[in-house]
């Protein structure tokens, strides 16, 4: 578990860079003439083409110390308990992508990206309600700063 707690920051920073590229490249596709629905559809095609890479390096928190799983080592128990939630997560991401593409087609990249990236307070509240994660004063302050940053970015 120690490796997991030490590796989250690096993975998070890579994720931030990739999401920054995701927003920029989507906007670039729109500026170059795609409609928002075309952009969202082709984005999903790119997503599915990367699935072999995503699965190859995927590890659960319990498996961090062991070998990387593959499709052949997929846990049926984990699939039964978390599969529906993962599918709903994907559905939310696909629908969010549709609305993100429409917002990017209609607005400037900076404000749209800032507003759509201000979801952590929602995630925090839902995680506290349903997974019993603890909300600290620092997390509340961080949520406030997230919302304030979004306000200033959108002006």
N, C-alpha and C. Protein backbone atom coordinates (compact mmCIF):
# COMPACT_ATOMS: atom_id res chain seq x y z
N UNK A 1 0.82 -1.19 0.00
CA UNK A 1 0.00 0.00 0.00
C UNK A 1 0.86 1.26 0.00
N UNK A 2 2.09 1.15 0.50
CA UNK A 2 2.98 2.31 0.53
C UNK A 2 3.29 2.82 -0.87
N UNK A 3 3.46 1.90 -1.82
CA UNK A 3 3.74 2.31 -3.20
C UNK A 3 2.56 3.08 -3.78
N UNK A 4 1.35 2.66 -3.43
CA UNK A 4 0.17 3.36 -3.92
C UNK A 4 0.13 4.79 -3.40
N UNK A 5 0.39 4.97 -2.10
CA UNK A 5 0.30 6.31 -1.54
C UNK A 5 1.40 7.23 -2.07
N UNK A 6 2.51 6.69 -2.53
CA UNK A 6 3.60 7.50 -3.05
C UNK A 6 3.46 7.79 -4.54
N UNK A 7 2.68 7.00 -5.25
CA UNK A 7 2.63 7.15 -6.70
C UNK A 7 1.46 8.00 -7.20
N UNK A 8 0.55 8.38 -6.34
CA UNK A 8 -0.63 9.09 -6.81
C UNK A 8 -0.28 10.45 -7.41
N UNK A 9 0.69 11.14 -6.86
CA UNK A 9 1.01 12.48 -7.32
C UNK A 9 1.54 12.47 -8.75
N UNK A 10 2.48 11.59 -9.05
CA UNK A 10 3.01 11.49 -10.41
C UNK A 10 1.92 11.15 -11.41
N UNK A 11 1.08 10.17 -11.05
CA UNK A 11 -0.02 9.80 -11.94
C UNK A 11 -0.99 10.96 -12.12
N UNK A 12 -1.25 11.69 -11.05
CA UNK A 12 -2.17 12.83 -11.14
C UNK A 12 -1.61 13.92 -12.04
N UNK A 13 -0.31 14.18 -11.95
CA UNK A 13 0.30 15.21 -12.80
C UNK A 13 0.28 14.81 -14.27
N UNK A 14 0.53 13.54 -14.56
CA UNK A 14 0.42 13.06 -15.94
C UNK A 14 -1.02 13.23 -16.42
N UNK A 15 -1.97 12.92 -15.56
CA UNK A 15 -3.39 13.07 -15.90
C UNK A 15 -3.73 14.53 -16.21
N UNK A 16 -3.23 15.46 -15.42
CA UNK A 16 -3.48 16.89 -15.65
C UNK A 16 -2.96 17.30 -17.02
N UNK A 17 -1.75 16.88 -17.36
CA UNK A 17 -1.17 17.22 -18.66
C UNK A 17 -2.02 16.61 -19.78
N UNK A 18 -2.40 15.35 -19.62
CA UNK A 18 -3.21 14.70 -20.66
C UNK A 18 -4.58 15.36 -20.80
N UNK A 19 -5.20 15.74 -19.68
CA UNK A 19 -6.48 16.44 -19.78
C UNK A 19 -6.32 17.82 -20.41
N UNK A 20 -5.20 18.47 -20.16
CA UNK A 20 -4.92 19.75 -20.83
C UNK A 20 -4.81 19.57 -22.33
N UNK A 21 -4.09 18.52 -22.75
CA UNK A 21 -3.99 18.21 -24.18
C UNK A 21 -5.35 17.83 -24.75
N UNK A 22 -6.13 17.08 -23.98
CA UNK A 22 -7.47 16.67 -24.41
C UNK A 22 -8.32 17.90 -24.72
N UNK A 23 -8.32 18.88 -23.82
CA UNK A 23 -9.10 20.09 -24.06
C UNK A 23 -8.60 20.88 -25.25
N UNK A 24 -7.29 21.04 -25.35
CA UNK A 24 -6.71 21.80 -26.46
C UNK A 24 -6.97 21.11 -27.79
N UNK A 25 -6.71 19.82 -27.87
CA UNK A 25 -6.87 19.11 -29.15
C UNK A 25 -8.33 19.07 -29.59
N UNK A 26 -9.24 18.95 -28.62
CA UNK A 26 -10.66 19.00 -28.97
C UNK A 26 -11.05 20.36 -29.53
N UNK A 27 -10.56 21.42 -28.90
CA UNK A 27 -10.84 22.78 -29.39
C UNK A 27 -10.23 22.97 -30.77
N UNK A 28 -9.01 22.48 -30.97
CA UNK A 28 -8.35 22.60 -32.26
C UNK A 28 -9.16 21.90 -33.36
N UNK A 29 -9.71 20.73 -33.04
CA UNK A 29 -10.54 20.01 -34.02
C UNK A 29 -11.77 20.83 -34.39
N UNK A 30 -12.36 21.51 -33.39
CA UNK A 30 -13.53 22.34 -33.65
C UNK A 30 -13.17 23.56 -34.49
N UNK A 31 -12.05 24.19 -34.17
CA UNK A 31 -11.59 25.36 -34.93
C UNK A 31 -11.28 24.97 -36.38
N UNK A 32 -10.82 23.75 -36.58
CA UNK A 32 -10.49 23.27 -37.92
C UNK A 32 -11.71 22.81 -38.71
N UNK A 33 -12.91 22.91 -38.13
CA UNK A 33 -14.11 22.70 -38.92
C UNK A 33 -15.03 21.56 -38.52
N UNK A 34 -14.68 20.74 -37.54
CA UNK A 34 -15.59 19.68 -37.14
C UNK A 34 -16.75 20.26 -36.34
N UNK A 35 -17.92 19.63 -36.43
CA UNK A 35 -19.03 20.00 -35.54
C UNK A 35 -18.75 19.39 -34.17
N UNK A 36 -19.46 19.86 -33.16
CA UNK A 36 -19.21 19.33 -31.81
C UNK A 36 -19.55 17.84 -31.73
N UNK A 37 -20.59 17.40 -32.42
CA UNK A 37 -20.93 15.97 -32.39
C UNK A 37 -19.89 15.14 -33.14
N UNK A 38 -19.37 15.66 -34.25
CA UNK A 38 -18.31 14.94 -34.96
C UNK A 38 -17.06 14.84 -34.10
N UNK A 39 -16.70 15.93 -33.44
CA UNK A 39 -15.52 15.94 -32.58
C UNK A 39 -15.68 14.93 -31.45
N UNK A 40 -16.84 14.93 -30.78
CA UNK A 40 -17.06 14.01 -29.67
C UNK A 40 -17.03 12.56 -30.13
N UNK A 41 -17.60 12.29 -31.30
CA UNK A 41 -17.61 10.92 -31.84
C UNK A 41 -16.20 10.45 -32.16
N UNK A 42 -15.43 11.29 -32.85
CA UNK A 42 -14.06 10.90 -33.20
C UNK A 42 -13.17 10.80 -31.96
N UNK A 43 -13.45 11.61 -30.97
CA UNK A 43 -12.72 11.51 -29.70
C UNK A 43 -12.93 10.14 -29.08
N UNK A 44 -14.17 9.66 -29.10
CA UNK A 44 -14.46 8.33 -28.55
C UNK A 44 -13.77 7.24 -29.36
N UNK A 45 -13.67 7.41 -30.66
CA UNK A 45 -12.93 6.45 -31.48
C UNK A 45 -11.48 6.39 -31.02
N UNK A 46 -10.87 7.55 -30.81
CA UNK A 46 -9.50 7.59 -30.30
C UNK A 46 -9.39 6.91 -28.94
N UNK A 47 -10.40 7.11 -28.11
CA UNK A 47 -10.44 6.47 -26.79
C UNK A 47 -10.42 4.95 -26.94
N UNK A 48 -11.31 4.43 -27.77
CA UNK A 48 -11.40 2.97 -27.93
C UNK A 48 -10.15 2.38 -28.57
N UNK A 49 -9.51 3.13 -29.44
CA UNK A 49 -8.27 2.63 -30.05
C UNK A 49 -7.15 2.50 -29.01
N UNK A 50 -7.23 3.27 -27.94
CA UNK A 50 -6.21 3.21 -26.88
C UNK A 50 -6.53 2.18 -25.80
N UNK A 51 -7.66 1.51 -25.89
CA UNK A 51 -8.04 0.57 -24.84
C UNK A 51 -7.01 -0.53 -24.57
N UNK A 52 -6.35 -1.09 -25.58
CA UNK A 52 -5.32 -2.10 -25.25
C UNK A 52 -4.21 -1.53 -24.36
N UNK A 53 -3.82 -0.29 -24.59
CA UNK A 53 -2.82 0.34 -23.73
C UNK A 53 -3.35 0.57 -22.32
N UNK A 54 -4.59 0.98 -22.22
CA UNK A 54 -5.19 1.24 -20.92
C UNK A 54 -5.28 -0.04 -20.11
N UNK A 55 -5.73 -1.12 -20.72
CA UNK A 55 -5.87 -2.39 -20.01
C UNK A 55 -4.52 -2.99 -19.63
N UNK A 56 -3.53 -2.82 -20.46
CA UNK A 56 -2.23 -3.44 -20.20
C UNK A 56 -1.63 -2.96 -18.89
N UNK A 57 -1.77 -1.70 -18.57
CA UNK A 57 -1.14 -1.17 -17.38
C UNK A 57 -2.07 -0.97 -16.21
N UNK A 58 -3.28 -1.50 -16.27
CA UNK A 58 -4.28 -1.25 -15.24
C UNK A 58 -4.05 -2.13 -14.02
N UNK A 59 -4.08 -1.48 -12.83
CA UNK A 59 -3.92 -2.22 -11.58
C UNK A 59 -4.90 -1.65 -10.56
N UNK A 60 -5.48 -2.53 -9.77
CA UNK A 60 -6.32 -2.06 -8.67
C UNK A 60 -5.42 -1.75 -7.48
N UNK A 61 -5.98 -1.12 -6.48
CA UNK A 61 -5.19 -0.77 -5.29
C UNK A 61 -4.60 -2.02 -4.64
N UNK A 62 -5.32 -3.12 -4.66
CA UNK A 62 -4.84 -4.36 -4.04
C UNK A 62 -3.74 -5.02 -4.85
N UNK A 63 -3.64 -4.69 -6.12
CA UNK A 63 -2.69 -5.37 -7.01
C UNK A 63 -1.42 -4.57 -7.29
N UNK A 64 -1.25 -3.43 -6.65
CA UNK A 64 -0.12 -2.56 -6.97
C UNK A 64 1.21 -3.28 -6.83
N UNK A 65 1.34 -4.14 -5.84
CA UNK A 65 2.60 -4.84 -5.61
C UNK A 65 2.79 -6.02 -6.54
N UNK A 66 1.73 -6.54 -7.14
CA UNK A 66 1.82 -7.75 -7.97
C UNK A 66 1.97 -7.44 -9.44
N UNK A 67 1.88 -8.49 -10.28
CA UNK A 67 2.01 -8.30 -11.72
C UNK A 67 0.81 -7.55 -12.29
N UNK A 68 1.03 -6.88 -13.40
CA UNK A 68 -0.06 -6.15 -14.06
C UNK A 68 -1.10 -7.13 -14.58
N UNK A 69 -2.38 -6.86 -14.35
CA UNK A 69 -3.42 -7.76 -14.84
C UNK A 69 -3.65 -7.59 -16.33
N UNK A 70 -4.32 -8.54 -16.90
CA UNK A 70 -4.71 -8.47 -18.30
C UNK A 70 -6.16 -8.90 -18.37
N UNK A 71 -6.71 -8.97 -19.57
CA UNK A 71 -8.08 -9.43 -19.71
C UNK A 71 -8.25 -10.83 -19.13
N UNK A 72 -7.23 -11.69 -19.23
CA UNK A 72 -7.34 -13.06 -18.74
C UNK A 72 -7.34 -13.14 -17.22
N UNK A 73 -6.86 -12.11 -16.51
CA UNK A 73 -6.84 -12.14 -15.05
C UNK A 73 -7.88 -11.21 -14.45
N UNK A 74 -8.85 -10.80 -15.24
CA UNK A 74 -9.92 -9.93 -14.77
C UNK A 74 -10.70 -10.65 -13.68
N UNK A 75 -10.87 -10.06 -12.53
CA UNK A 75 -11.56 -10.67 -11.41
C UNK A 75 -13.07 -10.62 -11.63
N UNK A 76 -13.70 -11.81 -11.63
CA UNK A 76 -15.15 -11.88 -11.81
C UNK A 76 -15.84 -11.25 -10.61
N UNK A 77 -15.30 -11.46 -9.42
CA UNK A 77 -15.89 -10.87 -8.22
C UNK A 77 -15.86 -9.35 -8.29
N UNK A 78 -14.72 -8.80 -8.68
CA UNK A 78 -14.61 -7.35 -8.80
C UNK A 78 -15.53 -6.84 -9.90
N UNK A 79 -15.64 -7.58 -10.98
CA UNK A 79 -16.51 -7.18 -12.08
C UNK A 79 -17.97 -7.14 -11.63
N UNK A 80 -18.37 -8.13 -10.86
CA UNK A 80 -19.76 -8.16 -10.36
C UNK A 80 -20.05 -6.99 -9.44
N UNK A 81 -19.11 -6.65 -8.57
CA UNK A 81 -19.39 -5.60 -7.60
C UNK A 81 -19.13 -4.20 -8.15
N UNK A 82 -18.21 -4.05 -9.09
CA UNK A 82 -17.87 -2.72 -9.58
C UNK A 82 -18.16 -2.47 -11.04
N UNK A 83 -18.53 -3.51 -11.77
CA UNK A 83 -18.72 -3.39 -13.21
C UNK A 83 -19.79 -2.39 -13.61
N UNK A 84 -20.94 -2.45 -12.96
CA UNK A 84 -22.03 -1.52 -13.29
C UNK A 84 -21.60 -0.08 -13.03
N UNK A 85 -20.91 0.13 -11.90
CA UNK A 85 -20.47 1.49 -11.57
C UNK A 85 -19.45 1.99 -12.58
N UNK A 86 -18.56 1.10 -13.04
CA UNK A 86 -17.58 1.50 -14.05
C UNK A 86 -18.28 1.85 -15.36
N UNK A 87 -19.30 1.07 -15.74
CA UNK A 87 -20.04 1.36 -16.97
C UNK A 87 -20.79 2.69 -16.85
N UNK A 88 -21.39 2.94 -15.70
CA UNK A 88 -22.07 4.23 -15.49
C UNK A 88 -21.08 5.38 -15.50
N UNK A 89 -19.89 5.16 -14.96
CA UNK A 89 -18.83 6.17 -15.02
C UNK A 89 -18.49 6.49 -16.47
N UNK A 90 -18.35 5.46 -17.28
CA UNK A 90 -18.06 5.66 -18.71
C UNK A 90 -19.18 6.39 -19.42
N UNK A 91 -20.43 6.05 -19.07
CA UNK A 91 -21.58 6.73 -19.68
C UNK A 91 -21.58 8.21 -19.30
N UNK A 92 -21.29 8.50 -18.04
CA UNK A 92 -21.20 9.90 -17.61
C UNK A 92 -20.09 10.63 -18.36
N UNK A 93 -18.95 9.97 -18.53
CA UNK A 93 -17.83 10.59 -19.25
C UNK A 93 -18.19 10.86 -20.70
N UNK A 94 -18.88 9.91 -21.34
CA UNK A 94 -19.28 10.09 -22.74
C UNK A 94 -20.25 11.25 -22.88
N UNK A 95 -21.24 11.32 -21.99
CA UNK A 95 -22.21 12.42 -22.05
C UNK A 95 -21.55 13.75 -21.71
N UNK A 96 -20.65 13.74 -20.71
CA UNK A 96 -19.93 14.97 -20.37
C UNK A 96 -19.10 15.45 -21.55
N UNK A 97 -18.49 14.51 -22.26
CA UNK A 97 -17.68 14.85 -23.43
C UNK A 97 -18.53 15.53 -24.50
N UNK A 98 -19.75 15.05 -24.68
CA UNK A 98 -20.66 15.65 -25.66
C UNK A 98 -20.92 17.11 -25.30
N UNK A 99 -21.25 17.37 -24.04
CA UNK A 99 -21.55 18.73 -23.62
C UNK A 99 -20.29 19.60 -23.57
N UNK A 100 -19.15 18.99 -23.25
CA UNK A 100 -17.88 19.71 -23.28
C UNK A 100 -17.58 20.17 -24.70
N UNK A 101 -17.76 19.29 -25.66
CA UNK A 101 -17.51 19.64 -27.07
C UNK A 101 -18.43 20.76 -27.53
N UNK A 102 -19.70 20.69 -27.12
CA UNK A 102 -20.63 21.76 -27.49
C UNK A 102 -20.23 23.08 -26.85
N UNK A 103 -19.82 23.04 -25.58
CA UNK A 103 -19.39 24.26 -24.90
C UNK A 103 -18.14 24.84 -25.55
N UNK A 104 -17.19 23.98 -25.92
CA UNK A 104 -15.96 24.45 -26.58
C UNK A 104 -16.28 25.06 -27.94
N UNK A 105 -17.26 24.51 -28.64
CA UNK A 105 -17.64 25.05 -29.95
C UNK A 105 -18.26 26.44 -29.80
N UNK A 106 -18.89 26.71 -28.66
CA UNK A 106 -19.59 27.97 -28.46
C UNK A 106 -18.79 29.00 -27.66
N UNK A 107 -17.75 28.57 -26.95
CA UNK A 107 -17.04 29.49 -26.06
C UNK A 107 -15.54 29.41 -26.20
N UNK A 108 -14.85 30.20 -25.38
CA UNK A 108 -13.39 30.22 -25.38
C UNK A 108 -12.86 29.04 -24.56
N UNK A 109 -11.69 28.54 -24.96
CA UNK A 109 -11.12 27.35 -24.34
C UNK A 109 -10.84 27.54 -22.85
N UNK A 110 -10.30 28.69 -22.45
CA UNK A 110 -9.95 28.91 -21.04
C UNK A 110 -11.13 28.82 -20.09
N UNK A 111 -12.16 29.64 -20.28
CA UNK A 111 -13.31 29.58 -19.38
C UNK A 111 -14.04 28.24 -19.42
N UNK A 112 -14.19 27.66 -20.60
CA UNK A 112 -14.89 26.37 -20.70
C UNK A 112 -14.11 25.31 -19.93
N UNK A 113 -12.79 25.26 -20.14
CA UNK A 113 -11.97 24.27 -19.44
C UNK A 113 -12.00 24.49 -17.93
N UNK A 114 -11.93 25.74 -17.50
CA UNK A 114 -11.94 26.03 -16.06
C UNK A 114 -13.26 25.61 -15.43
N UNK A 115 -14.36 25.94 -16.07
CA UNK A 115 -15.65 25.59 -15.49
C UNK A 115 -15.85 24.08 -15.47
N UNK A 116 -15.53 23.41 -16.56
CA UNK A 116 -15.75 21.96 -16.60
C UNK A 116 -14.75 21.20 -15.73
N UNK A 117 -13.64 21.83 -15.38
CA UNK A 117 -12.66 21.19 -14.49
C UNK A 117 -12.97 21.46 -13.02
N UNK A 118 -14.06 22.11 -12.73
CA UNK A 118 -14.39 22.43 -11.34
C UNK A 118 -15.31 21.39 -10.71
N UNK A 119 -15.21 20.15 -11.15
CA UNK A 119 -16.04 19.08 -10.62
C UNK A 119 -15.54 18.47 -9.30
N UNK A 120 -14.31 18.69 -8.84
CA UNK A 120 -13.87 18.03 -7.60
C UNK A 120 -14.77 18.23 -6.38
N UNK A 121 -15.36 19.42 -6.15
CA UNK A 121 -16.26 19.51 -5.00
C UNK A 121 -17.46 18.56 -5.10
N UNK A 122 -17.97 18.35 -6.30
CA UNK A 122 -19.09 17.41 -6.48
C UNK A 122 -18.62 15.99 -6.17
N UNK A 123 -17.46 15.62 -6.71
CA UNK A 123 -16.90 14.30 -6.45
C UNK A 123 -16.67 14.10 -4.95
N UNK A 124 -16.12 15.11 -4.28
CA UNK A 124 -15.84 15.02 -2.85
C UNK A 124 -17.12 14.80 -2.05
N UNK A 125 -18.17 15.56 -2.36
CA UNK A 125 -19.43 15.42 -1.62
C UNK A 125 -20.07 14.06 -1.85
N UNK A 126 -20.06 13.58 -3.09
CA UNK A 126 -20.62 12.26 -3.38
C UNK A 126 -19.81 11.15 -2.71
N UNK A 127 -18.48 11.27 -2.73
CA UNK A 127 -17.62 10.27 -2.08
C UNK A 127 -17.87 10.26 -0.57
N UNK A 128 -18.06 11.42 0.02
CA UNK A 128 -18.35 11.49 1.46
C UNK A 128 -19.69 10.84 1.77
N UNK A 129 -20.68 11.08 0.92
CA UNK A 129 -22.01 10.54 1.17
C UNK A 129 -22.10 9.03 0.95
N UNK A 130 -21.40 8.52 -0.06
CA UNK A 130 -21.60 7.12 -0.44
C UNK A 130 -20.43 6.19 -0.13
N UNK A 131 -19.22 6.72 0.06
CA UNK A 131 -18.08 5.84 0.39
C UNK A 131 -17.48 6.21 1.73
N UNK A 132 -18.11 7.14 2.43
CA UNK A 132 -17.69 7.55 3.77
C UNK A 132 -16.29 8.16 3.83
N UNK A 133 -15.85 8.77 2.72
CA UNK A 133 -14.59 9.52 2.78
C UNK A 133 -14.80 10.74 3.66
N UNK A 134 -13.77 11.11 4.37
CA UNK A 134 -13.85 12.21 5.32
C UNK A 134 -13.61 13.55 4.61
N UNK A 135 -14.47 14.53 4.91
CA UNK A 135 -14.27 15.89 4.40
C UNK A 135 -13.60 16.70 5.51
N UNK A 136 -12.42 17.20 5.21
CA UNK A 136 -11.67 18.00 6.19
C UNK A 136 -11.84 19.48 5.87
N UNK A 137 -11.40 20.30 6.78
CA UNK A 137 -11.42 21.74 6.55
C UNK A 137 -10.56 22.13 5.36
N UNK A 138 -9.42 21.46 5.20
CA UNK A 138 -8.56 21.74 4.05
C UNK A 138 -9.25 21.39 2.73
N UNK A 139 -10.00 20.30 2.71
CA UNK A 139 -10.72 19.93 1.48
C UNK A 139 -11.81 20.95 1.17
N UNK A 140 -12.50 21.41 2.21
CA UNK A 140 -13.52 22.44 1.99
C UNK A 140 -12.89 23.73 1.47
N UNK A 141 -11.75 24.10 2.04
CA UNK A 141 -11.04 25.29 1.58
C UNK A 141 -10.57 25.11 0.14
N UNK A 142 -10.07 23.94 -0.19
CA UNK A 142 -9.66 23.65 -1.57
C UNK A 142 -10.84 23.75 -2.53
N UNK A 143 -12.00 23.27 -2.10
CA UNK A 143 -13.20 23.37 -2.93
C UNK A 143 -13.59 24.82 -3.16
N UNK A 144 -13.48 25.62 -2.11
CA UNK A 144 -13.78 27.05 -2.24
C UNK A 144 -12.84 27.70 -3.24
N UNK A 145 -11.54 27.40 -3.13
CA UNK A 145 -10.57 27.97 -4.07
C UNK A 145 -10.81 27.48 -5.50
N UNK A 146 -11.23 26.23 -5.64
CA UNK A 146 -11.57 25.71 -6.97
C UNK A 146 -12.68 26.55 -7.59
N UNK A 147 -13.72 26.79 -6.80
CA UNK A 147 -14.85 27.57 -7.32
C UNK A 147 -14.47 29.03 -7.56
N UNK A 148 -13.65 29.60 -6.69
CA UNK A 148 -13.18 30.98 -6.91
C UNK A 148 -12.31 31.07 -8.16
N UNK A 149 -11.43 30.12 -8.35
CA UNK A 149 -10.60 30.09 -9.55
C UNK A 149 -11.44 30.00 -10.81
N UNK A 150 -12.47 29.18 -10.75
CA UNK A 150 -13.37 29.05 -11.89
C UNK A 150 -14.06 30.37 -12.18
N UNK A 151 -14.50 31.06 -11.13
CA UNK A 151 -15.15 32.35 -11.30
C UNK A 151 -14.23 33.34 -12.01
N UNK A 152 -12.98 33.42 -11.57
CA UNK A 152 -12.04 34.38 -12.18
C UNK A 152 -11.65 33.97 -13.60
N UNK A 153 -11.52 32.68 -13.85
CA UNK A 153 -11.20 32.20 -15.20
C UNK A 153 -12.32 32.53 -16.17
N UNK A 154 -13.55 32.46 -15.71
CA UNK A 154 -14.71 32.63 -16.59
C UNK A 154 -15.02 34.09 -16.90
N UNK A 155 -14.34 35.01 -16.27
CA UNK A 155 -14.63 36.44 -16.49
C UNK A 155 -13.79 37.00 -17.60
